[in-house]
PDB file of all heavy atoms in Angstrom:
ATOM      1  N   LEU A   1      -1.558  28.805 -18.062  1.00  0.00           N
ATOM      2  CA  LEU A   1      -2.116  28.450 -19.363  1.00  0.00           C
ATOM      3  C   LEU A   1      -2.416  26.955 -19.352  1.00  0.00           C
ATOM      4  O   LEU A   1      -1.527  26.140 -19.080  1.00  0.00           O
ATOM      5  CB  LEU A   1      -1.117  28.773 -20.474  1.00  0.00           C
ATOM      6  CG  LEU A   1      -1.545  28.433 -21.892  1.00  0.00           C
ATOM      7  CD1 LEU A   1      -2.677  29.343 -22.343  1.00  0.00           C
ATOM      8  CD2 LEU A   1      -0.364  28.536 -22.848  1.00  0.00           C
ATOM      9  N   LEU A   2      -3.663  26.588 -19.611  1.00  0.00           N
ATOM     10  CA  LEU A   2      -4.037  25.180 -19.721  1.00  0.00           C
ATOM     11  C   LEU A   2      -3.623  24.665 -21.098  1.00  0.00           C
ATOM     12  O   LEU A   2      -3.973  25.259 -22.117  1.00  0.00           O
ATOM     13  CB  LEU A   2      -5.548  25.016 -19.547  1.00  0.00           C
ATOM     14  CG  LEU A   2      -6.085  25.137 -18.127  1.00  0.00           C
ATOM     15  CD1 LEU A   2      -7.611  25.256 -18.138  1.00  0.00           C
ATOM     16  CD2 LEU A   2      -5.663  23.942 -17.286  1.00  0.00           C
ATOM     17  N   ILE A   3      -2.892  23.565 -21.117  1.00  0.00           N
ATOM     18  CA  ILE A   3      -2.450  22.972 -22.379  1.00  0.00           C
ATOM     19  C   ILE A   3      -3.012  21.551 -22.488  1.00  0.00           C
ATOM     20  O   ILE A   3      -3.640  21.051 -21.564  1.00  0.00           O
ATOM     21  CB  ILE A   3      -0.913  22.941 -22.492  1.00  0.00           C
ATOM     22  CG1 ILE A   3      -0.310  22.069 -21.378  1.00  0.00           C
ATOM     23  CG2 ILE A   3      -0.340  24.359 -22.431  1.00  0.00           C
ATOM     24  CD1 ILE A   3       1.168  21.756 -21.562  1.00  0.00           C
ATOM     25  N   ASP A   4      -2.771  20.909 -23.624  1.00  0.00           N
ATOM     26  CA  ASP A   4      -3.149  19.514 -23.855  1.00  0.00           C
ATOM     27  C   ASP A   4      -4.664  19.346 -23.785  1.00  0.00           C
ATOM     28  O   ASP A   4      -5.204  18.762 -22.854  1.00  0.00           O
ATOM     29  CB  ASP A   4      -2.445  18.603 -22.844  1.00  0.00           C
ATOM     30  CG  ASP A   4      -2.515  17.132 -23.258  1.00  0.00           C
ATOM     31  OD1 ASP A   4      -3.066  16.858 -24.344  1.00  0.00           O
ATOM     32  OD2 ASP A   4      -2.046  16.279 -22.502  1.00  0.00           O
ATOM     33  N   TRP A   5      -5.345  19.823 -24.824  1.00  0.00           N
ATOM     34  CA  TRP A   5      -6.808  19.834 -24.869  1.00  0.00           C
ATOM     35  C   TRP A   5      -7.394  18.636 -25.599  1.00  0.00           C
ATOM     36  O   TRP A   5      -8.550  18.650 -26.004  1.00  0.00           O
ATOM     37  CB  TRP A   5      -7.282  21.133 -25.537  1.00  0.00           C
ATOM     38  CG  TRP A   5      -7.080  22.331 -24.668  1.00  0.00           C
ATOM     39  CD1 TRP A   5      -5.917  23.027 -24.479  1.00  0.00           C
ATOM     40  CD2 TRP A   5      -8.070  22.981 -23.861  1.00  0.00           C
ATOM     41  NE1 TRP A   5      -6.124  24.063 -23.594  1.00  0.00           N
ATOM     42  CE2 TRP A   5      -7.442  24.065 -23.202  1.00  0.00           C
ATOM     43  CE3 TRP A   5      -9.425  22.739 -23.637  1.00  0.00           C
ATOM     44  CZ2 TRP A   5      -8.120  24.903 -22.333  1.00  0.00           C
ATOM     45  CZ3 TRP A   5     -10.105  23.585 -22.773  1.00  0.00           C
ATOM     46  CH2 TRP A   5      -9.454  24.648 -22.135  1.00  0.00           C
ATOM     47  N   ASP A   6      -6.619  17.566 -25.758  1.00  0.00           N
ATOM     48  CA  ASP A   6      -7.118  16.444 -26.553  1.00  0.00           C
ATOM     49  C   ASP A   6      -8.227  15.665 -25.862  1.00  0.00           C
ATOM     50  O   ASP A   6      -8.881  14.833 -26.499  1.00  0.00           O
ATOM     51  CB  ASP A   6      -5.978  15.502 -26.951  1.00  0.00           C
ATOM     52  CG  ASP A   6      -5.273  14.885 -25.759  1.00  0.00           C
ATOM     53  OD1 ASP A   6      -5.038  15.594 -24.773  1.00  0.00           O
ATOM     54  OD2 ASP A   6      -4.954  13.689 -25.823  1.00  0.00           O
ATOM     55  N   LEU A   7      -8.476  15.910 -24.568  1.00  0.00           N
ATOM     56  CA  LEU A   7      -9.577  15.234 -23.872  1.00  0.00           C
ATOM     57  C   LEU A   7     -10.763  16.171 -23.638  1.00  0.00           C
ATOM     58  O   LEU A   7     -11.617  15.890 -22.787  1.00  0.00           O
ATOM     59  CB  LEU A   7      -9.090  14.642 -22.550  1.00  0.00           C
ATOM     60  CG  LEU A   7      -8.040  13.535 -22.686  1.00  0.00           C
ATOM     61  CD1 LEU A   7      -7.635  13.005 -21.322  1.00  0.00           C
ATOM     62  CD2 LEU A   7      -8.551  12.402 -23.561  1.00  0.00           C
ATOM     63  N   LEU A   8     -10.817  17.260 -24.396  1.00  0.00           N
ATOM     64  CA  LEU A   8     -11.952  18.175 -24.297  1.00  0.00           C
ATOM     65  C   LEU A   8     -13.243  17.372 -24.452  1.00  0.00           C
ATOM     66  O   LEU A   8     -13.345  16.484 -25.301  1.00  0.00           O
ATOM     67  CB  LEU A   8     -11.858  19.233 -25.391  1.00  0.00           C
ATOM     68  CG  LEU A   8     -12.979  20.284 -25.407  1.00  0.00           C
ATOM     69  CD1 LEU A   8     -12.405  21.643 -25.787  1.00  0.00           C
ATOM     70  CD2 LEU A   8     -14.082  19.908 -26.375  1.00  0.00           C
ATOM     71  N   CYS A   9     -14.214  17.689 -23.606  1.00  0.00           N
ATOM     72  CA  CYS A   9     -15.490  16.984 -23.665  1.00  0.00           C
ATOM     73  C   CYS A   9     -16.570  17.885 -23.072  1.00  0.00           C
ATOM     74  O   CYS A   9     -16.287  19.013 -22.648  1.00  0.00           O
ATOM     75  CB  CYS A   9     -15.415  15.660 -22.906  1.00  0.00           C
ATOM     76  SG  CYS A   9     -15.034  15.826 -21.155  1.00  0.00           S
ATOM     77  N   VAL A  10     -17.779  17.408 -23.065  1.00  0.00           N
ATOM     78  CA  VAL A  10     -18.894  18.131 -22.451  1.00  0.00           C
ATOM     79  C   VAL A  10     -19.401  17.259 -21.314  1.00  0.00           C
ATOM     80  O   VAL A  10     -19.841  16.131 -21.533  1.00  0.00           O
ATOM     81  CB  VAL A  10     -19.998  18.421 -23.480  1.00  0.00           C
ATOM     82  CG1 VAL A  10     -21.156  19.142 -22.826  1.00  0.00           C
ATOM     83  CG2 VAL A  10     -19.447  19.255 -24.637  1.00  0.00           C
ATOM     84  N   ALA A  11     -19.291  17.784 -20.087  1.00  0.00           N
ATOM     85  CA  ALA A  11     -19.590  17.001 -18.883  1.00  0.00           C
ATOM     86  C   ALA A  11     -19.907  17.958 -17.738  1.00  0.00           C
ATOM     87  O   ALA A  11     -19.757  19.176 -17.882  1.00  0.00           O
ATOM     88  CB  ALA A  11     -18.380  16.128 -18.534  1.00  0.00           C
ATOM     89  N   PRO A  12     -20.306  17.440 -16.579  1.00  0.00           N
ATOM     90  CA  PRO A  12     -20.484  18.316 -15.413  1.00  0.00           C
ATOM     91  C   PRO A  12     -19.156  18.962 -15.025  1.00  0.00           C
ATOM     92  O   PRO A  12     -18.082  18.404 -15.281  1.00  0.00           O
ATOM     93  CB  PRO A  12     -20.958  17.353 -14.317  1.00  0.00           C
ATOM     94  CG  PRO A  12     -21.567  16.222 -15.044  1.00  0.00           C
ATOM     95  CD  PRO A  12     -20.732  16.063 -16.288  1.00  0.00           C
ATOM     96  N   ARG A  13     -19.209  20.098 -14.379  1.00  0.00           N
ATOM     97  CA  ARG A  13     -17.982  20.813 -14.006  1.00  0.00           C
ATOM     98  C   ARG A  13     -17.084  19.992 -13.092  1.00  0.00           C
ATOM     99  O   ARG A  13     -15.863  20.151 -13.093  1.00  0.00           O
ATOM    100  CB  ARG A  13     -18.325  22.154 -13.362  1.00  0.00           C
ATOM    101  CG  ARG A  13     -19.201  22.059 -12.129  1.00  0.00           C
ATOM    102  CD  ARG A  13     -19.589  23.438 -11.647  1.00  0.00           C
ATOM    103  NE  ARG A  13     -20.621  23.377 -10.617  1.00  0.00           N
ATOM    104  CZ  ARG A  13     -21.042  24.439  -9.939  1.00  0.00           C
ATOM    105  NH1 ARG A  13     -20.529  25.628 -10.186  1.00  0.00           N
ATOM    106  NH2 ARG A  13     -21.976  24.316  -9.022  1.00  0.00           N
ATOM    107  N   GLY A  14     -17.682  19.065 -12.349  1.00  0.00           N
ATOM    108  CA  GLY A  14     -16.878  18.214 -11.486  1.00  0.00           C
ATOM    109  C   GLY A  14     -15.883  17.347 -12.236  1.00  0.00           C
ATOM    110  O   GLY A  14     -14.893  16.886 -11.667  1.00  0.00           O
ATOM    111  N   TRP A  15     -16.127  17.133 -13.536  1.00  0.00           N
ATOM    112  CA  TRP A  15     -15.195  16.352 -14.359  1.00  0.00           C
ATOM    113  C   TRP A  15     -13.808  16.989 -14.342  1.00  0.00           C
ATOM    114  O   TRP A  15     -12.797  16.287 -14.268  1.00  0.00           O
ATOM    115  CB  TRP A  15     -15.733  16.265 -15.780  1.00  0.00           C
ATOM    116  CG  TRP A  15     -14.956  15.379 -16.692  1.00  0.00           C
ATOM    117  CD1 TRP A  15     -13.989  15.747 -17.579  1.00  0.00           C
ATOM    118  CD2 TRP A  15     -15.080  13.954 -16.804  1.00  0.00           C
ATOM    119  NE1 TRP A  15     -13.508  14.655 -18.247  1.00  0.00           N
ATOM    120  CE2 TRP A  15     -14.164  13.540 -17.792  1.00  0.00           C
ATOM    121  CE3 TRP A  15     -15.872  13.007 -16.173  1.00  0.00           C
ATOM    122  CZ2 TRP A  15     -14.017  12.203 -18.159  1.00  0.00           C
ATOM    123  CZ3 TRP A  15     -15.731  11.677 -16.538  1.00  0.00           C
ATOM    124  CH2 TRP A  15     -14.809  11.285 -17.522  1.00  0.00           C
ATOM    125  N   ASP A  16     -13.755  18.317 -14.408  1.00  0.00           N
ATOM    126  CA  ASP A  16     -12.465  19.005 -14.403  1.00  0.00           C
ATOM    127  C   ASP A  16     -11.897  19.183 -13.001  1.00  0.00           C
ATOM    128  O   ASP A  16     -10.705  19.446 -12.851  1.00  0.00           O
ATOM    129  CB  ASP A  16     -12.585  20.373 -15.089  1.00  0.00           C
ATOM    130  CG  ASP A  16     -12.420  20.290 -16.598  1.00  0.00           C
ATOM    131  OD1 ASP A  16     -11.900  19.262 -17.094  1.00  0.00           O
ATOM    132  OD2 ASP A  16     -12.794  21.252 -17.289  1.00  0.00           O
ATOM    133  N   HIS A  17     -12.715  19.068 -11.993  1.00  0.00           N
ATOM    134  CA  HIS A  17     -12.217  19.157 -10.620  1.00  0.00           C
ATOM    135  C   HIS A  17     -11.629  17.817 -10.170  1.00  0.00           C
ATOM    136  O   HIS A  17     -10.729  17.778  -9.321  1.00  0.00           O
ATOM    137  CB  HIS A  17     -13.355  19.555  -9.672  1.00  0.00           C
ATOM    138  CG  HIS A  17     -13.699  21.003  -9.724  1.00  0.00           C
ATOM    139  ND1 HIS A  17     -13.473  21.855  -8.669  1.00  0.00           N
ATOM    140  CD2 HIS A  17     -14.252  21.764 -10.704  1.00  0.00           C
ATOM    141  CE1 HIS A  17     -13.876  23.075  -8.988  1.00  0.00           C
ATOM    142  NE2 HIS A  17     -14.351  23.039 -10.223  1.00  0.00           N
ATOM    143  N   ALA A  18     -12.136  16.729 -10.715  1.00  0.00           N
ATOM    144  CA  ALA A  18     -11.816  15.389 -10.219  1.00  0.00           C
ATOM    145  C   ALA A  18     -10.319  15.079 -10.128  1.00  0.00           C
ATOM    146  O   ALA A  18      -9.876  14.542  -9.114  1.00  0.00           O
ATOM    147  CB  ALA A  18     -12.531  14.344 -11.075  1.00  0.00           C
ATOM    148  N   PRO A  19      -9.494  15.396 -11.150  1.00  0.00           N
ATOM    149  CA  PRO A  19      -8.079  15.025 -11.037  1.00  0.00           C
ATOM    150  C   PRO A  19      -7.388  15.658  -9.826  1.00  0.00           C
ATOM    151  O   PRO A  19      -6.601  15.010  -9.142  1.00  0.00           O
ATOM    152  CB  PRO A  19      -7.464  15.540 -12.345  1.00  0.00           C
ATOM    153  CG  PRO A  19      -8.599  15.698 -13.284  1.00  0.00           C
ATOM    154  CD  PRO A  19      -9.797  16.011 -12.442  1.00  0.00           C
ATOM    155  N   MET A  20      -7.717  16.906  -9.551  1.00  0.00           N
ATOM    156  CA  MET A  20      -7.049  17.609  -8.459  1.00  0.00           C
ATOM    157  C   MET A  20      -7.622  17.233  -7.090  1.00  0.00           C
ATOM    158  O   MET A  20      -6.970  17.446  -6.063  1.00  0.00           O
ATOM    159  CB  MET A  20      -7.123  19.112  -8.680  1.00  0.00           C
ATOM    160  CG  MET A  20      -6.385  19.581  -9.926  1.00  0.00           C
ATOM    161  SD  MET A  20      -4.662  19.023  -9.981  1.00  0.00           S
ATOM    162  CE  MET A  20      -3.986  19.828  -8.532  1.00  0.00           C
ATOM    163  N   MET A  21      -8.810  16.670  -7.063  1.00  0.00           N
ATOM    164  CA  MET A  21      -9.411  16.271  -5.792  1.00  0.00           C
ATOM    165  C   MET A  21      -8.618  15.157  -5.118  1.00  0.00           C
ATOM    166  O   MET A  21      -8.652  15.007  -3.897  1.00  0.00           O
ATOM    167  CB  MET A  21     -10.867  15.843  -6.015  1.00  0.00           C
ATOM    168  CG  MET A  21     -11.792  17.009  -6.319  1.00  0.00           C
ATOM    169  SD  MET A  21     -13.451  16.494  -6.866  1.00  0.00           S
ATOM    170  CE  MET A  21     -14.076  15.641  -5.411  1.00  0.00           C
ATOM    171  N   THR A  22      -7.904  14.340  -5.912  1.00  0.00           N
ATOM    172  CA  THR A  22      -7.110  13.247  -5.339  1.00  0.00           C
ATOM    173  C   THR A  22      -5.607  13.464  -5.540  1.00  0.00           C
ATOM    174  O   THR A  22      -4.815  12.561  -5.266  1.00  0.00           O
ATOM    175  CB  THR A  22      -7.507  11.909  -5.993  1.00  0.00           C
ATOM    176  OG1 THR A  22      -7.255  11.967  -7.408  1.00  0.00           O
ATOM    177  CG2 THR A  22      -8.976  11.578  -5.744  1.00  0.00           C
ATOM    178  N   TRP A  23      -5.229  14.632  -6.003  1.00  0.00           N
ATOM    179  CA  TRP A  23      -3.824  14.871  -6.385  1.00  0.00           C
ATOM    180  C   TRP A  23      -2.860  14.695  -5.214  1.00  0.00           C
ATOM    181  O   TRP A  23      -1.824  14.036  -5.345  1.00  0.00           O
ATOM    182  CB  TRP A  23      -3.677  16.256  -7.004  1.00  0.00           C
ATOM    183  CG  TRP A  23      -2.353  16.437  -7.661  1.00  0.00           C
ATOM    184  CD1 TRP A  23      -1.306  17.199  -7.227  1.00  0.00           C
ATOM    185  CD2 TRP A  23      -1.916  15.814  -8.870  1.00  0.00           C
ATOM    186  NE1 TRP A  23      -0.247  17.086  -8.094  1.00  0.00           N
ATOM    187  CE2 TRP A  23      -0.602  16.241  -9.107  1.00  0.00           C
ATOM    188  CE3 TRP A  23      -2.516  14.928  -9.768  1.00  0.00           C
ATOM    189  CZ2 TRP A  23       0.132  15.817 -10.212  1.00  0.00           C
ATOM    190  CZ3 TRP A  23      -1.787  14.507 -10.871  1.00  0.00           C
ATOM    191  CH2 TRP A  23      -0.476  14.955 -11.083  1.00  0.00           C
ATOM    192  N   ALA A  24      -3.179  15.282  -4.079  1.00  0.00           N
ATOM    193  CA  ALA A  24      -2.268  15.177  -2.924  1.00  0.00           C
ATOM    194  C   ALA A  24      -2.297  13.771  -2.326  1.00  0.00           C
ATOM    195  O   ALA A  24      -1.246  13.168  -2.074  1.00  0.00           O
ATOM    196  CB  ALA A  24      -2.636  16.223  -1.871  1.00  0.00           C
ATOM    197  N   GLU A  25      -3.490  13.242  -2.134  1.00  0.00           N
ATOM    198  CA  GLU A  25      -3.636  11.958  -1.454  1.00  0.00           C
ATOM    199  C   GLU A  25      -3.063  10.795  -2.253  1.00  0.00           C
ATOM    200  O   GLU A  25      -2.316   9.977  -1.725  1.00  0.00           O
ATOM    201  CB  GLU A  25      -5.118  11.699  -1.179  1.00  0.00           C
ATOM    202  CG  GLU A  25      -5.390  10.310  -0.607  1.00  0.00           C
ATOM    203  CD  GLU A  25      -6.853   9.904  -0.728  1.00  0.00           C
ATOM    204  OE1 GLU A  25      -7.630  10.631  -1.373  1.00  0.00           O
ATOM    205  OE2 GLU A  25      -7.204   8.844  -0.210  1.00  0.00           O
ATOM    206  N   ARG A  26      -3.415  10.694  -3.525  1.00  0.00           N
ATOM    207  CA  ARG A  26      -3.032   9.522  -4.314  1.00  0.00           C
ATOM    208  C   ARG A  26      -1.757   9.716  -5.107  1.00  0.00           C
ATOM    209  O   ARG A  26      -1.015   8.767  -5.337  1.00  0.00           O
ATOM    210  CB  ARG A  26      -4.160   9.131  -5.282  1.00  0.00           C
ATOM    211  CG  ARG A  26      -5.245   8.280  -4.723  1.00  0.00           C
ATOM    212  CD  ARG A  26      -4.780   6.889  -4.250  1.00  0.00           C
ATOM    213  NE  ARG A  26      -4.306   6.918  -2.887  1.00  0.00           N
ATOM    214  CZ  ARG A  26      -3.203   6.352  -2.443  1.00  0.00           C
ATOM    215  NH1 ARG A  26      -2.427   5.680  -3.236  1.00  0.00           N
ATOM    216  NH2 ARG A  26      -2.842   6.440  -1.188  1.00  0.00           N
ATOM    217  N   TRP A  27      -1.514  10.939  -5.598  1.00  0.00           N
ATOM    218  CA  TRP A  27      -0.393  11.155  -6.509  1.00  0.00           C
ATOM    219  C   TRP A  27       0.796  11.839  -5.837  1.00  0.00           C
ATOM    220  O   TRP A  27       1.787  12.140  -6.499  1.00  0.00           O
ATOM    221  CB  TRP A  27      -0.849  11.953  -7.727  1.00  0.00           C
ATOM    222  CG  TRP A  27      -1.919  11.244  -8.502  1.00  0.00           C
ATOM    223  CD1 TRP A  27      -3.270  11.415  -8.387  1.00  0.00           C
ATOM    224  CD2 TRP A  27      -1.742  10.222  -9.488  1.00  0.00           C
ATOM    225  NE1 TRP A  27      -3.939  10.574  -9.253  1.00  0.00           N
ATOM    226  CE2 TRP A  27      -3.028   9.831  -9.938  1.00  0.00           C
ATOM    227  CE3 TRP A  27      -0.619   9.608 -10.035  1.00  0.00           C
ATOM    228  CZ2 TRP A  27      -3.211   8.845 -10.908  1.00  0.00           C
ATOM    229  CZ3 TRP A  27      -0.811   8.625 -11.009  1.00  0.00           C
ATOM    230  CH2 TRP A  27      -2.086   8.249 -11.431  1.00  0.00           C
ATOM    231  N   GLY A  28       0.670  12.097  -4.541  1.00  0.00           N
ATOM    232  CA  GLY A  28       1.783  12.706  -3.818  1.00  0.00           C
ATOM    233  C   GLY A  28       2.002  14.170  -4.129  1.00  0.00           C
ATOM    234  O   GLY A  28       3.081  14.715  -3.899  1.00  0.00           O
ATOM    235  N   GLY A  29       0.972  14.828  -4.645  1.00  0.00           N
ATOM    236  CA  GLY A  29       1.090  16.252  -4.959  1.00  0.00           C
ATOM    237  C   GLY A  29       1.056  17.116  -3.710  1.00  0.00           C
ATOM    238  O   GLY A  29       0.805  16.633  -2.602  1.00  0.00           O
ATOM    239  N   GLU A  30       1.301  18.376  -3.924  1.00  0.00           N
ATOM    240  CA  GLU A  30       1.343  19.321  -2.809  1.00  0.00           C
ATOM    241  C   GLU A  30      -0.031  19.437  -2.144  1.00  0.00           C
ATOM    242  O   GLU A  30      -1.047  19.608  -2.816  1.00  0.00           O
ATOM    243  CB  GLU A  30       1.791  20.692  -3.327  1.00  0.00           C
ATOM    244  CG  GLU A  30       1.999  21.716  -2.250  1.00  0.00           C
ATOM    245  CD  GLU A  30       2.446  23.057  -2.799  1.00  0.00           C
ATOM    246  OE1 GLU A  30       2.849  23.120  -3.980  1.00  0.00           O
ATOM    247  OE2 GLU A  30       2.372  24.045  -2.059  1.00  0.00           O
ATOM    248  N   VAL A  31      -0.032  19.339  -0.838  1.00  0.00           N
ATOM    249  CA  VAL A  31      -1.277  19.452  -0.073  1.00  0.00           C
ATOM    250  C   VAL A  31      -1.808  20.879  -0.197  1.00  0.00           C
ATOM    251  O   VAL A  31      -1.059  21.849  -0.145  1.00  0.00           O
ATOM    252  CB  VAL A  31      -1.030  19.106   1.416  1.00  0.00           C
ATOM    253  CG1 VAL A  31      -2.282  19.372   2.242  1.00  0.00           C
ATOM    254  CG2 VAL A  31      -0.599  17.645   1.546  1.00  0.00           C
ATOM    255  N   GLY A  32      -3.115  21.002  -0.392  1.00  0.00           N
ATOM    256  CA  GLY A  32      -3.754  22.317  -0.425  1.00  0.00           C
ATOM    257  C   GLY A  32      -3.968  22.904  -1.802  1.00  0.00           C
ATOM    258  O   GLY A  32      -4.662  23.909  -1.937  1.00  0.00           O
ATOM    259  N   VAL A  33      -3.406  22.282  -2.859  1.00  0.00           N
ATOM    260  CA  VAL A  33      -3.555  22.881  -4.186  1.00  0.00           C
ATOM    261  C   VAL A  33      -5.004  22.830  -4.664  1.00  0.00           C
ATOM    262  O   VAL A  33      -5.470  23.766  -5.328  1.00  0.00           O
ATOM    263  CB  VAL A  33      -2.600  22.273  -5.240  1.00  0.00           C
ATOM    264  CG1 VAL A  33      -1.161  22.599  -4.928  1.00  0.00           C
ATOM    265  CG2 VAL A  33      -2.802  20.778  -5.378  1.00  0.00           C
ATOM    266  N   TYR A  34      -5.715  21.751  -4.314  1.00  0.00           N
ATOM    267  CA  TYR A  34      -7.121  21.730  -4.736  1.00  0.00           C
ATOM    268  C   TYR A  34      -7.912  22.821  -4.022  1.00  0.00           C
ATOM    269  O   TYR A  34      -8.772  23.459  -4.634  1.00  0.00           O
ATOM    270  CB  TYR A  34      -7.773  20.360  -4.526  1.00  0.00           C
ATOM    271  CG  TYR A  34      -9.218  20.376  -4.984  1.00  0.00           C
ATOM    272  CD1 TYR A  34      -9.527  20.636  -6.323  1.00  0.00           C
ATOM    273  CD2 TYR A  34     -10.260  20.200  -4.087  1.00  0.00           C
ATOM    274  CE1 TYR A  34     -10.849  20.702  -6.758  1.00  0.00           C
ATOM    275  CE2 TYR A  34     -11.584  20.251  -4.516  1.00  0.00           C
ATOM    276  CZ  TYR A  34     -11.869  20.504  -5.847  1.00  0.00           C
ATOM    277  OH  TYR A  34     -13.175  20.586  -6.278  1.00  0.00           O
TER     278      TYR A  34
END
C-alpha cells in the first residue's frame, strides 16, 4: 500500500521511478529492489 500522498503531482512517469533508481547506491538500500 502506497502511503504519504502529500507530494502527489502531475509529471512524467520517471518522477516516481527516480527515488528508487538511486536507493541502493546512495541510500544504502537493498540491491536489486529497483
